[in-house]
Amino acid sequence: MNPKINFSQAFLGMCLGDGYLHRQHKGGNAEFQITHGDNQIDYLNHKVNIIESFIKGLKFRRSIRHVKLHYTDKVFNNHRAYSNTHVRLTKYHDLLYDDNNVKIITKQIIRRLGTCGLAYWFGDNGTLLQKKNSRIDGSFYYSRPIAELCTDCFSYEDNINLTEWFHDVFSLSPVVVTRKNKKKNRKTFRLRFNVRDTFTLLNMIYPYMKNISCLHHKFIPKRIDYFTDGYPNNQSKSAQHLDEMKIYAELQGNELVEMKDKKLSC
């Protein structure tokens, strides 16, 4: 059963992610814009349907922009959905943007985010890091996943506030990772989760995105071979891996296979 969508949380997550609220002039109401590529049109449609169903009188129009990156000859399509102006959007704009029209994230916003909002934010700005490793026989396997939430547009202090929220609300302990943005010549920051917290996070937010197949690569790790690669030599960590495997099986939509003939190297 899919969890019930809390619109206020979901919309906050969309706004903190790829969504953009815009007021053409100070006295006017705001409009909302969302842009996704060819491979995420289903996600774009999903967002539009949710917003239109919850905000009466709001309708979206569509446009396509062809973008050619400077370092490649490939042309990408950006599919944009943009709404009419609405007073409810203005309230969100005033909450999420400062006087210079820069997106902000205050403790008040963080407290209102919730699990549903986090799911949509991760759907926009989350990623799974998995290293592809080779074996001697030429085959390969993927390392256990590490999740990152790309919070590059927010300050270091904002990211620290987010780590405290994750710890207090979900008992998760992400760390702030510093990155050098060479193009803008400044430091940016992201939140990175350890392996155990990654599985907990994915298990918590994936149900909201279960029916959006174009996002499954962000929520379902690539195949992990626990029995031949890196099983730890102490019982507590082996139990931890079993917990991960149960979550991994749930994310894949399969029952955990009985492992009577496969002994743990404890």
C-alpha atoms as a PDB file:
ATOM      1  CA  MET A   1       0.000   0.000   0.000  1.00  0.00           C
ATOM      2  CA  ASN A   2       1.337   3.416  -0.970  1.00  0.00           C
ATOM      3  CA  PRO A   3       1.561   5.970   1.860  1.00  0.00           C
ATOM      4  CA  LYS A   4      -0.778   8.950   1.837  1.00  0.00           C
ATOM      5  CA  ILE A   5       0.804  12.076   0.395  1.00  0.00           C
ATOM      6  CA  ASN A   6       1.011  15.058   2.713  1.00  0.00           C
ATOM      7  CA  PHE A   7       0.803  17.886   0.180  1.00  0.00           C
ATOM      8  CA  SER A   8       2.433  20.560   2.344  1.00  0.00           C
ATOM      9  CA  GLN A   9       5.443  18.297   2.966  1.00  0.00           C
ATOM     10  CA  ALA A  10       5.608  17.079  -0.632  1.00  0.00           C
ATOM     11  CA  PHE A  11       5.482  20.593  -2.064  1.00  0.00           C
ATOM     12  CA  LEU A  12       8.191  21.801   0.316  1.00  0.00           C
ATOM     13  CA  GLY A  13      10.371  18.928  -0.904  1.00  0.00           C
ATOM     14  CA  MET A  14       9.712  19.882  -4.528  1.00  0.00           C
ATOM     15  CA  CYS A  15      10.555  23.522  -3.801  1.00  0.00           C
ATOM     16  CA  LEU A  16      13.789  22.674  -1.985  1.00  0.00           C
ATOM     17  CA  GLY A  17      14.704  20.441  -4.926  1.00  0.00           C
ATOM     18  CA  ASP A  18      14.305  21.384  -8.583  1.00  0.00           C
ATOM     19  CA  GLY A  19      11.183  23.521  -8.230  1.00  0.00           C
ATOM     20  CA  TYR A  20      11.296  27.295  -8.599  1.00  0.00           C
ATOM     21  CA  LEU A  21       8.821  29.850  -7.239  1.00  0.00           C
ATOM     22  CA  HIS A  22       8.840  33.189  -9.008  1.00  0.00           C
ATOM     23  CA  ARG A  23       7.141  36.544  -8.445  1.00  0.00           C
ATOM     24  CA  GLN A  24       7.301  38.903 -11.412  1.00  0.00           C
ATOM     25  CA  HIS A  25       6.811  41.919  -9.157  1.00  0.00           C
ATOM     26  CA  LYS A  26       6.627  42.434  -5.398  1.00  0.00           C
ATOM     27  CA  GLY A  27       2.886  43.005  -5.179  1.00  0.00           C
ATOM     28  CA  GLY A  28       1.941  40.061  -7.389  1.00  0.00           C
ATOM     29  CA  ASN A  29       1.381  36.388  -6.647  1.00  0.00           C
ATOM     30  CA  ALA A  30       3.951  33.699  -7.350  1.00  0.00           C
ATOM     31  CA  GLU A  31       4.058  31.037 -10.054  1.00  0.00           C
ATOM     32  CA  PHE A  32       5.752  27.631  -9.882  1.00  0.00           C
ATOM     33  CA  GLN A  33       8.097  26.092 -12.432  1.00  0.00           C
ATOM     34  CA  ILE A  34       9.450  22.552 -12.718  1.00  0.00           C
ATOM     35  CA  THR A  35      11.958  21.272 -15.290  1.00  0.00           C
ATOM     36  CA  HIS A  36      13.015  17.689 -16.011  1.00  0.00           C
ATOM     37  CA  GLY A  37      14.743  15.844 -18.851  1.00  0.00           C
ATOM     38  CA  ASP A  38      13.387  13.276 -21.290  1.00  0.00           C
ATOM     39  CA  ASN A  39      14.054  10.428 -18.865  1.00  0.00           C
ATOM     40  CA  GLN A  40      11.953  11.964 -16.070  1.00  0.00           C
ATOM     41  CA  ILE A  41       8.774  13.033 -17.855  1.00  0.00           C
ATOM     42  CA  ASP A  42       6.736  10.594 -15.739  1.00  0.00           C
ATOM     43  CA  TYR A  43       8.053  12.283 -12.597  1.00  0.00           C
ATOM     44  CA  LEU A  44       7.186  15.704 -14.022  1.00  0.00           C
ATOM     45  CA  ASN A  45       3.633  14.547 -14.798  1.00  0.00           C
ATOM     46  CA  HIS A  46       3.339  13.053 -11.306  1.00  0.00           C
ATOM     47  CA  LYS A  47       4.262  16.372  -9.699  1.00  0.00           C
ATOM     48  CA  VAL A  48       1.884  18.377 -11.889  1.00  0.00           C
ATOM     49  CA  ASN A  49      -1.025  16.031 -11.121  1.00  0.00           C
ATOM     50  CA  ILE A  50      -0.416  16.282  -7.361  1.00  0.00           C
ATOM     51  CA  ILE A  51      -0.155  20.079  -7.324  1.00  0.00           C
ATOM     52  CA  GLU A  52      -3.189  20.629  -9.529  1.00  0.00           C
ATOM     53  CA  SER A  53      -5.273  18.251  -7.424  1.00  0.00           C
ATOM     54  CA  PHE A  54      -4.400  19.999  -4.151  1.00  0.00           C
ATOM     55  CA  ILE A  55      -4.432  23.670  -5.209  1.00  0.00           C
ATOM     56  CA  LYS A  56      -7.799  24.609  -6.657  1.00  0.00           C
ATOM     57  CA  GLY A  57      -7.601  26.860  -9.708  1.00  0.00           C
ATOM     58  CA  LEU A  58      -3.949  26.082 -10.467  1.00  0.00           C
ATOM     59  CA  LYS A  59      -3.120  24.875 -13.982  1.00  0.00           C
ATOM     60  CA  PHE A  60       0.175  24.149 -15.704  1.00  0.00           C
ATOM     61  CA  ARG A  61       1.347  24.867 -19.233  1.00  0.00           C
ATOM     62  CA  ARG A  62       4.232  23.056 -20.931  1.00  0.00           C
ATOM     63  CA  SER A  63       7.228  23.969 -23.053  1.00  0.00           C
ATOM     64  CA  ILE A  64      10.350  22.185 -24.331  1.00  0.00           C
ATOM     65  CA  ARG A  65      13.778  23.751 -24.515  1.00  0.00           C
ATOM     66  CA  HIS A  66      16.607  22.150 -26.509  1.00  0.00           C
ATOM     67  CA  VAL A  67      19.926  22.441 -24.680  1.00  0.00           C
ATOM     68  CA  LYS A  68      23.357  21.708 -26.180  1.00  0.00           C
ATOM     69  CA  LEU A  69      26.143  21.338 -23.653  1.00  0.00           C
ATOM     70  CA  HIS A  70      29.387  23.115 -24.503  1.00  0.00           C
ATOM     71  CA  TYR A  71      31.547  19.993 -24.029  1.00  0.00           C
ATOM     72  CA  THR A  72      29.488  17.605 -26.177  1.00  0.00           C
ATOM     73  CA  ASP A  73      27.523  17.559 -29.416  1.00  0.00           C
ATOM     74  CA  LYS A  74      24.506  15.957 -27.751  1.00  0.00           C
ATOM     75  CA  VAL A  75      21.287  17.941 -27.508  1.00  0.00           C
ATOM     76  CA  PHE A  76      19.067  17.446 -24.462  1.00  0.00           C
ATOM     77  CA  ASN A  77      15.411  18.299 -24.075  1.00  0.00           C
ATOM     78  CA  ASN A  78      14.322  20.181 -20.961  1.00  0.00           C
ATOM     79  CA  HIS A  79      10.608  19.726 -20.355  1.00  0.00           C
ATOM     80  CA  ARG A  80       9.232  22.657 -18.370  1.00  0.00           C
ATOM     81  CA  ALA A  81       5.877  22.907 -16.619  1.00  0.00           C
ATOM     82  CA  TYR A  82       4.901  26.366 -15.371  1.00  0.00           C
ATOM     83  CA  SER A  83       1.765  27.379 -13.546  1.00  0.00           C
ATOM     84  CA  ASN A  84      -0.448  30.417 -13.384  1.00  0.00           C
ATOM     85  CA  THR A  85       0.030  32.682 -10.368  1.00  0.00           C
ATOM     86  CA  HIS A  86      -1.760  31.792  -7.139  1.00  0.00           C
ATOM     87  CA  VAL A  87      -2.004  33.206  -3.628  1.00  0.00           C
ATOM     88  CA  ARG A  88      -1.057  29.860  -2.038  1.00  0.00           C
ATOM     89  CA  LEU A  89       2.143  29.812  -4.056  1.00  0.00           C
ATOM     90  CA  THR A  90       2.936  33.288  -2.781  1.00  0.00           C
ATOM     91  CA  LYS A  91       2.792  32.044   0.808  1.00  0.00           C
ATOM     92  CA  TYR A  92       5.339  29.341  -0.028  1.00  0.00           C
ATOM     93  CA  HIS A  93       7.496  31.858  -1.879  1.00  0.00           C
ATOM     94  CA  ASP A  94       7.626  34.175   1.136  1.00  0.00           C
ATOM     95  CA  LEU A  95       8.593  31.217   3.319  1.00  0.00           C
ATOM     96  CA  LEU A  96      11.306  29.821   1.033  1.00  0.00           C
ATOM     97  CA  TYR A  97      12.954  32.941  -0.482  1.00  0.00           C
ATOM     98  CA  ASP A  98      14.707  35.932   1.035  1.00  0.00           C
ATOM     99  CA  ASP A  99      14.406  39.584  -0.050  1.00  0.00           C
ATOM    100  CA  ASN A 100      16.966  38.976  -2.809  1.00  0.00           C
ATOM    101  CA  ASN A 101      14.866  36.099  -4.222  1.00  0.00           C
ATOM    102  CA  VAL A 102      17.441  33.525  -3.078  1.00  0.00           C
ATOM    103  CA  LYS A 103      16.163  30.142  -1.915  1.00  0.00           C
ATOM    104  CA  ILE A 104      16.694  29.603   1.818  1.00  0.00           C
ATOM    105  CA  ILE A 105      16.141  26.788   4.297  1.00  0.00           C
ATOM    106  CA  THR A 106      15.391  27.829   7.860  1.00  0.00           C
ATOM    107  CA  LYS A 107      14.812  25.648  10.913  1.00  0.00           C
ATOM    108  CA  GLN A 108      11.103  26.399  10.541  1.00  0.00           C
ATOM    109  CA  ILE A 109      11.118  24.950   7.018  1.00  0.00           C
ATOM    110  CA  ILE A 110      13.130  21.911   8.092  1.00  0.00           C
ATOM    111  CA  ARG A 111      10.664  21.112  10.884  1.00  0.00           C
ATOM    112  CA  ARG A 112       7.787  21.134   8.377  1.00  0.00           C
ATOM    113  CA  LEU A 113       9.515  18.895   5.816  1.00  0.00           C
ATOM    114  CA  GLY A 114       8.631  15.428   7.139  1.00  0.00           C
ATOM    115  CA  THR A 115       9.242  12.030   5.531  1.00  0.00           C
ATOM    116  CA  CYS A 116       7.045  12.765   2.515  1.00  0.00           C
ATOM    117  CA  GLY A 117       8.849  16.026   1.771  1.00  0.00           C
ATOM    118  CA  LEU A 118      12.208  14.326   2.164  1.00  0.00           C
ATOM    119  CA  ALA A 119      11.153  11.694  -0.405  1.00  0.00           C
ATOM    120  CA  TYR A 120      10.415  14.333  -3.048  1.00  0.00           C
ATOM    121  CA  TRP A 121      13.541  16.291  -2.226  1.00  0.00           C
ATOM    122  CA  PHE A 122      15.623  13.129  -2.624  1.00  0.00           C
ATOM    123  CA  GLY A 123      13.754  12.358  -5.847  1.00  0.00           C
ATOM    124  CA  ASP A 124      15.028  15.695  -7.177  1.00  0.00           C
ATOM    125  CA  ASN A 125      18.462  16.075  -5.569  1.00  0.00           C
ATOM    126  CA  GLY A 126      19.370  12.680  -4.140  1.00  0.00           C
ATOM    127  CA  THR A 127      21.832  10.181  -5.558  1.00  0.00           C
ATOM    128  CA  LEU A 128      23.231   6.731  -4.765  1.00  0.00           C
ATOM    129  CA  LEU A 129      27.001   6.237  -4.927  1.00  0.00           C
ATOM    130  CA  GLN A 130      28.099   2.687  -5.721  1.00  0.00           C
ATOM    131  CA  LYS A 131      31.565   1.691  -6.864  1.00  0.00           C
ATOM    132  CA  LYS A 132      31.884  -0.991  -9.521  1.00  0.00           C
ATOM    133  CA  ASN A 133      34.575  -3.498  -8.467  1.00  0.00           C
ATOM    134  CA  SER A 134      36.287  -6.189 -10.540  1.00  0.00           C
ATOM    135  CA  ARG A 135      37.141  -9.723  -9.467  1.00  0.00           C
ATOM    136  CA  ILE A 136      40.139 -11.807 -10.549  1.00  0.00           C
ATOM    137  CA  ASP A 137      37.917 -13.946 -12.775  1.00  0.00           C
ATOM    138  CA  GLY A 138      36.817 -10.887 -14.745  1.00  0.00           C
ATOM    139  CA  SER A 139      33.356 -10.579 -13.228  1.00  0.00           C
ATOM    140  CA  PHE A 140      32.325  -7.562 -11.216  1.00  0.00           C
ATOM    141  CA  TYR A 141      30.126  -6.490  -8.322  1.00  0.00           C
ATOM    142  CA  TYR A 142      28.918  -3.224  -6.805  1.00  0.00           C
ATOM    143  CA  SER A 143      29.924  -1.953  -3.398  1.00  0.00           C
ATOM    144  CA  ARG A 144      27.324  -1.217  -0.762  1.00  0.00           C
ATOM    145  CA  PRO A 145      25.533   2.053  -1.550  1.00  0.00           C
ATOM    146  CA  ILE A 146      26.082   5.463   0.006  1.00  0.00           C
ATOM    147  CA  ALA A 147      23.362   8.098  -0.365  1.00  0.00           C
ATOM    148  CA  GLU A 148      24.022  11.779  -0.941  1.00  0.00           C
ATOM    149  CA  LEU A 149      21.575  14.673  -0.782  1.00  0.00           C
ATOM    150  CA  CYS A 150      22.801  17.487  -3.018  1.00  0.00           C
ATOM    151  CA  THR A 151      22.320  20.573  -0.862  1.00  0.00           C
ATOM    152  CA  ASP A 152      24.858  22.644  -2.842  1.00  0.00           C
ATOM    153  CA  CYS A 153      22.730  25.794  -2.958  1.00  0.00           C
ATOM    154  CA  PHE A 154      22.611  26.067   0.838  1.00  0.00           C
ATOM    155  CA  SER A 155      25.255  27.295   3.277  1.00  0.00           C
ATOM    156  CA  TYR A 156      27.400  25.241   5.619  1.00  0.00           C
ATOM    157  CA  GLU A 157      25.286  26.419   8.577  1.00  0.00           C
ATOM    158  CA  ASP A 158      22.111  25.310   6.778  1.00  0.00           C
ATOM    159  CA  ASN A 159      23.624  21.889   6.201  1.00  0.00           C
ATOM    160  CA  ILE A 160      24.573  21.598   9.872  1.00  0.00           C
ATOM    161  CA  ASN A 161      20.957  22.399  10.795  1.00  0.00           C
ATOM    162  CA  LEU A 162      19.848  19.627   8.443  1.00  0.00           C
ATOM    163  CA  THR A 163      22.197  17.094  10.060  1.00  0.00           C
ATOM    164  CA  GLU A 164      20.715  17.946  13.457  1.00  0.00           C
ATOM    165  CA  TRP A 165      17.185  17.468  12.083  1.00  0.00           C
ATOM    166  CA  PHE A 166      18.076  14.083  10.603  1.00  0.00           C
ATOM    167  CA  HIS A 167      19.559  13.017  13.926  1.00  0.00           C
ATOM    168  CA  ASP A 168      16.723  14.292  16.112  1.00  0.00           C
ATOM    169  CA  VAL A 169      13.820  13.107  13.935  1.00  0.00           C
ATOM    170  CA  PHE A 170      15.125   9.974  12.188  1.00  0.00           C
ATOM    171  CA  SER A 171      18.207   8.976  14.255  1.00  0.00           C
ATOM    172  CA  LEU A 172      20.339   9.310  11.115  1.00  0.00           C
ATOM    173  CA  SER A 173      23.819  10.840  11.151  1.00  0.00           C
ATOM    174  CA  PRO A 174      24.776  12.319   7.771  1.00  0.00           C
ATOM    175  CA  VAL A 175      27.994  14.288   7.475  1.00  0.00           C
ATOM    176  CA  VAL A 176      28.574  17.519   5.581  1.00  0.00           C
ATOM    177  CA  VAL A 177      30.880  16.964   2.591  1.00  0.00           C
ATOM    178  CA  THR A 178      32.730  19.952   1.133  1.00  0.00           C
ATOM    179  CA  ARG A 179      33.057  20.247  -2.643  1.00  0.00           C
ATOM    180  CA  LYS A 180      34.949  22.776  -4.771  1.00  0.00           C
ATOM    181  CA  ASN A 181      32.813  24.351  -7.470  1.00  0.00           C
ATOM    182  CA  LYS A 182      35.465  25.352 -10.017  1.00  0.00           C
ATOM    183  CA  LYS A 183      32.956  27.031 -12.337  1.00  0.00           C
ATOM    184  CA  LYS A 184      31.751  29.430  -9.624  1.00  0.00           C
ATOM    185  CA  ASN A 185      35.057  29.384  -7.721  1.00  0.00           C
ATOM    186  CA  ARG A 186      33.482  28.647  -4.360  1.00  0.00           C
ATOM    187  CA  LYS A 187      32.880  25.807  -1.935  1.00  0.00           C
ATOM    188  CA  THR A 188      29.578  23.939  -1.885  1.00  0.00           C
ATOM    189  CA  PHE A 189      28.252  21.368   0.566  1.00  0.00           C
ATOM    190  CA  ARG A 190      26.335  18.099   0.458  1.00  0.00           C
ATOM    191  CA  LEU A 191      24.995  15.608   2.984  1.00  0.00           C
ATOM    192  CA  ARG A 192      26.432  12.087   2.831  1.00  0.00           C
ATOM    193  CA  PHE A 193      25.003   9.070   4.662  1.00  0.00           C
ATOM    194  CA  ASN A 194      26.944   6.004   5.752  1.00  0.00           C
ATOM    195  CA  VAL A 195      25.890   2.579   4.447  1.00  0.00           C
ATOM    196  CA  ARG A 196      23.656   1.674   7.358  1.00  0.00           C
ATOM    197  CA  ASP A 197      21.859   5.030   7.342  1.00  0.00           C
ATOM    198  CA  THR A 198      21.528   4.814   3.556  1.00  0.00           C
ATOM    199  CA  PHE A 199      19.484   1.620   3.809  1.00  0.00           C
ATOM    200  CA  THR A 200      17.349   3.115   6.578  1.00  0.00           C
ATOM    201  CA  LEU A 201      16.770   6.265   4.531  1.00  0.00           C
ATOM    202  CA  LEU A 202      15.854   4.386   1.347  1.00  0.00           C
ATOM    203  CA  ASN A 203      13.478   2.072   3.166  1.00  0.00           C
ATOM    204  CA  MET A 204      11.788   5.098   4.717  1.00  0.00           C
ATOM    205  CA  ILE A 205      11.238   7.242   1.597  1.00  0.00           C
ATOM    206  CA  TYR A 206      11.038   4.725  -1.263  1.00  0.00           C
ATOM    207  CA  PRO A 207       7.323   3.885  -0.720  1.00  0.00           C
ATOM    208  CA  TYR A 208       6.444   7.433  -1.870  1.00  0.00           C
ATOM    209  CA  MET A 209       8.330   6.875  -5.147  1.00  0.00           C
ATOM    210  CA  LYS A 210       7.539   3.202  -5.717  1.00  0.00           C
ATOM    211  CA  ASN A 211       5.278   3.842  -8.716  1.00  0.00           C
ATOM    212  CA  ILE A 212       7.670   6.249 -10.462  1.00  0.00           C
ATOM    213  CA  SER A 213       9.915   3.864 -12.378  1.00  0.00           C
ATOM    214  CA  CYS A 214      12.175   6.583 -13.820  1.00  0.00           C
ATOM    215  CA  LEU A 215      13.427   7.293 -10.266  1.00  0.00           C
ATOM    216  CA  HIS A 216      14.111   3.727  -9.179  1.00  0.00           C
ATOM    217  CA  HIS A 217      17.839   4.102  -9.857  1.00  0.00           C
ATOM    218  CA  LYS A 218      17.908   6.627  -7.006  1.00  0.00           C
ATOM    219  CA  PHE A 219      16.139   4.364  -4.536  1.00  0.00           C
ATOM    220  CA  ILE A 220      17.068   0.786  -5.479  1.00  0.00           C
ATOM    221  CA  PRO A 221      20.767  -0.129  -5.197  1.00  0.00           C
ATOM    222  CA  LYS A 222      22.483  -2.118  -7.915  1.00  0.00           C
ATOM    223  CA  ARG A 223      23.106  -5.779  -7.176  1.00  0.00           C
ATOM    224  CA  ILE A 224      25.227  -6.411  -4.086  1.00  0.00           C
ATOM    225  CA  ASP A 225      26.908  -9.784  -3.555  1.00  0.00           C
ATOM    226  CA  TYR A 226      27.202 -10.039   0.213  1.00  0.00           C
ATOM    227  CA  PHE A 227      28.359 -13.643   0.394  1.00  0.00           C
ATOM    228  CA  THR A 228      31.440 -13.439  -1.794  1.00  0.00           C
ATOM    229  CA  ASP A 229      32.520  -9.859  -1.214  1.00  0.00           C
ATOM    230  CA  GLY A 230      33.527  -8.388   2.090  1.00  0.00           C
ATOM    231  CA  TYR A 231      31.412 -10.148   4.688  1.00  0.00           C
ATOM    232  CA  PRO A 232      32.793  -8.917   8.022  1.00  0.00           C
ATOM    233  CA  ASN A 233      34.344 -11.217  10.575  1.00  0.00           C
ATOM    234  CA  ASN A 234      32.268 -10.326  13.584  1.00  0.00           C
ATOM    235  CA  GLN A 235      28.718 -11.250  14.478  1.00  0.00           C
ATOM    236  CA  SER A 236      27.332  -7.743  15.049  1.00  0.00           C
ATOM    237  CA  LYS A 237      28.312  -6.506  11.624  1.00  0.00           C
ATOM    238  CA  SER A 238      27.018  -9.681   9.999  1.00  0.00           C
ATOM    239  CA  ALA A 239      23.659  -9.025  11.648  1.00  0.00           C
ATOM    240  CA  GLN A 240      23.840  -5.510  10.267  1.00  0.00           C
ATOM    241  CA  HIS A 241      24.359  -6.921   6.774  1.00  0.00           C
ATOM    242  CA  LEU A 242      21.350  -9.189   7.203  1.00  0.00           C
ATOM    243  CA  ASP A 243      19.246  -6.150   8.083  1.00  0.00           C
ATOM    244  CA  GLU A 244      20.550  -4.428   4.959  1.00  0.00           C
ATOM    245  CA  MET A 245      19.719  -7.487   2.855  1.00  0.00           C
ATOM    246  CA  LYS A 246      16.132  -7.504   4.110  1.00  0.00           C
ATOM    247  CA  ILE A 247      15.736  -3.848   3.169  1.00  0.00           C
ATOM    248  CA  TYR A 248      17.488  -4.481  -0.157  1.00  0.00           C
ATOM    249  CA  ALA A 249      15.024  -7.288  -0.901  1.00  0.00           C
ATOM    250  CA  GLU A 250      12.078  -5.041  -0.003  1.00  0.00           C
ATOM    251  CA  LEU A 251      13.386  -2.310  -2.292  1.00  0.00           C
ATOM    252  CA  GLN A 252      13.675  -4.861  -5.087  1.00  0.00           C
ATOM    253  CA  GLY A 253      10.120  -6.017  -4.392  1.00  0.00           C
ATOM    254  CA  ASN A 254      11.215  -9.604  -3.667  1.00  0.00           C
ATOM    255  CA  GLU A 255      11.105 -11.854  -0.668  1.00  0.00           C
ATOM    256  CA  LEU A 256      14.420 -12.465   1.052  1.00  0.00           C
ATOM    257  CA  VAL A 257      15.733 -15.809  -0.220  1.00  0.00           C
ATOM    258  CA  GLU A 258      16.319 -18.541   2.340  1.00  0.00           C
ATOM    259  CA  MET A 259      20.039 -18.907   2.965  1.00  0.00           C
ATOM    260  CA  LYS A 260      20.266 -22.322   4.657  1.00  0.00           C
ATOM    261  CA  ASP A 261      23.172 -23.443   2.500  1.00  0.00           C
ATOM    262  CA  LYS A 262      25.065 -20.187   2.715  1.00  0.00           C
ATOM    263  CA  LYS A 263      27.017 -19.835   5.929  1.00  0.00           C
ATOM    264  CA  LEU A 264      28.193 -16.530   7.295  1.00  0.00           C
ATOM    265  CA  SER A 265      31.936 -16.177   7.756  1.00  0.00           C
ATOM    266  CA  CYS A 266      31.707 -15.116  11.372  1.00  0.00           C
END
